[in-house]
């Protein structure tokens, strides 16, 4: 075989090999391209699903925050109304006519007197709780074997009501404490209604 034919044979074989390699590369490229397109489609679907979920979560978060804000404002408004109501109640009790105020204090003292041997501490400006009121209370307590309440020489800063004292034990029946207790009970009830469901 002459050199020319050998060169042609080598070139022909090289072209055939090059065509085969080119065909394999194109097939491989097409397969990879299809795989990449499938991954891209999957990625887009996942991204869309995540975006929708994130949007839904954000919407739920915004709604929850709005509900919480409304609940806070509602509670603040109720608290404001409670402040006004209890301030009015405090003023009304303090400004009761003497007979009604004394009647209320008699009822409270009879209910609060555990031993009947206590001192009654009153406010610095209190003038309606006096010895005659204590005589009336002691008269009511006498039937149950109690009835030795006495007015203390010491006074405290009370806006109304009294404190029963026996040694170191004190029972505070001041108007402020009674109203604060009633307020706490009412706030617990209102909070239960507000946050129920």
Foldseek 3Di string as FASTA:
>chain_A
DDPVVVVVVVVVVVVVVVVVVVVVVVVVVVVVVVVVVVVVVVVVVVVVVVVVVVVVVVVVVVVVVVLVVVLVVVLVVVVVVLVVVLVVVLVCLLPPPLVVNLVVLLVVCLVPDDALQWEKAEAPPDDSDDPVSLQVSLVVCVVVVHRNYYYDPDYHHASAHIWTDDPPDIDDPGSVVVSVVVSVVVSVVVVCVSPPD
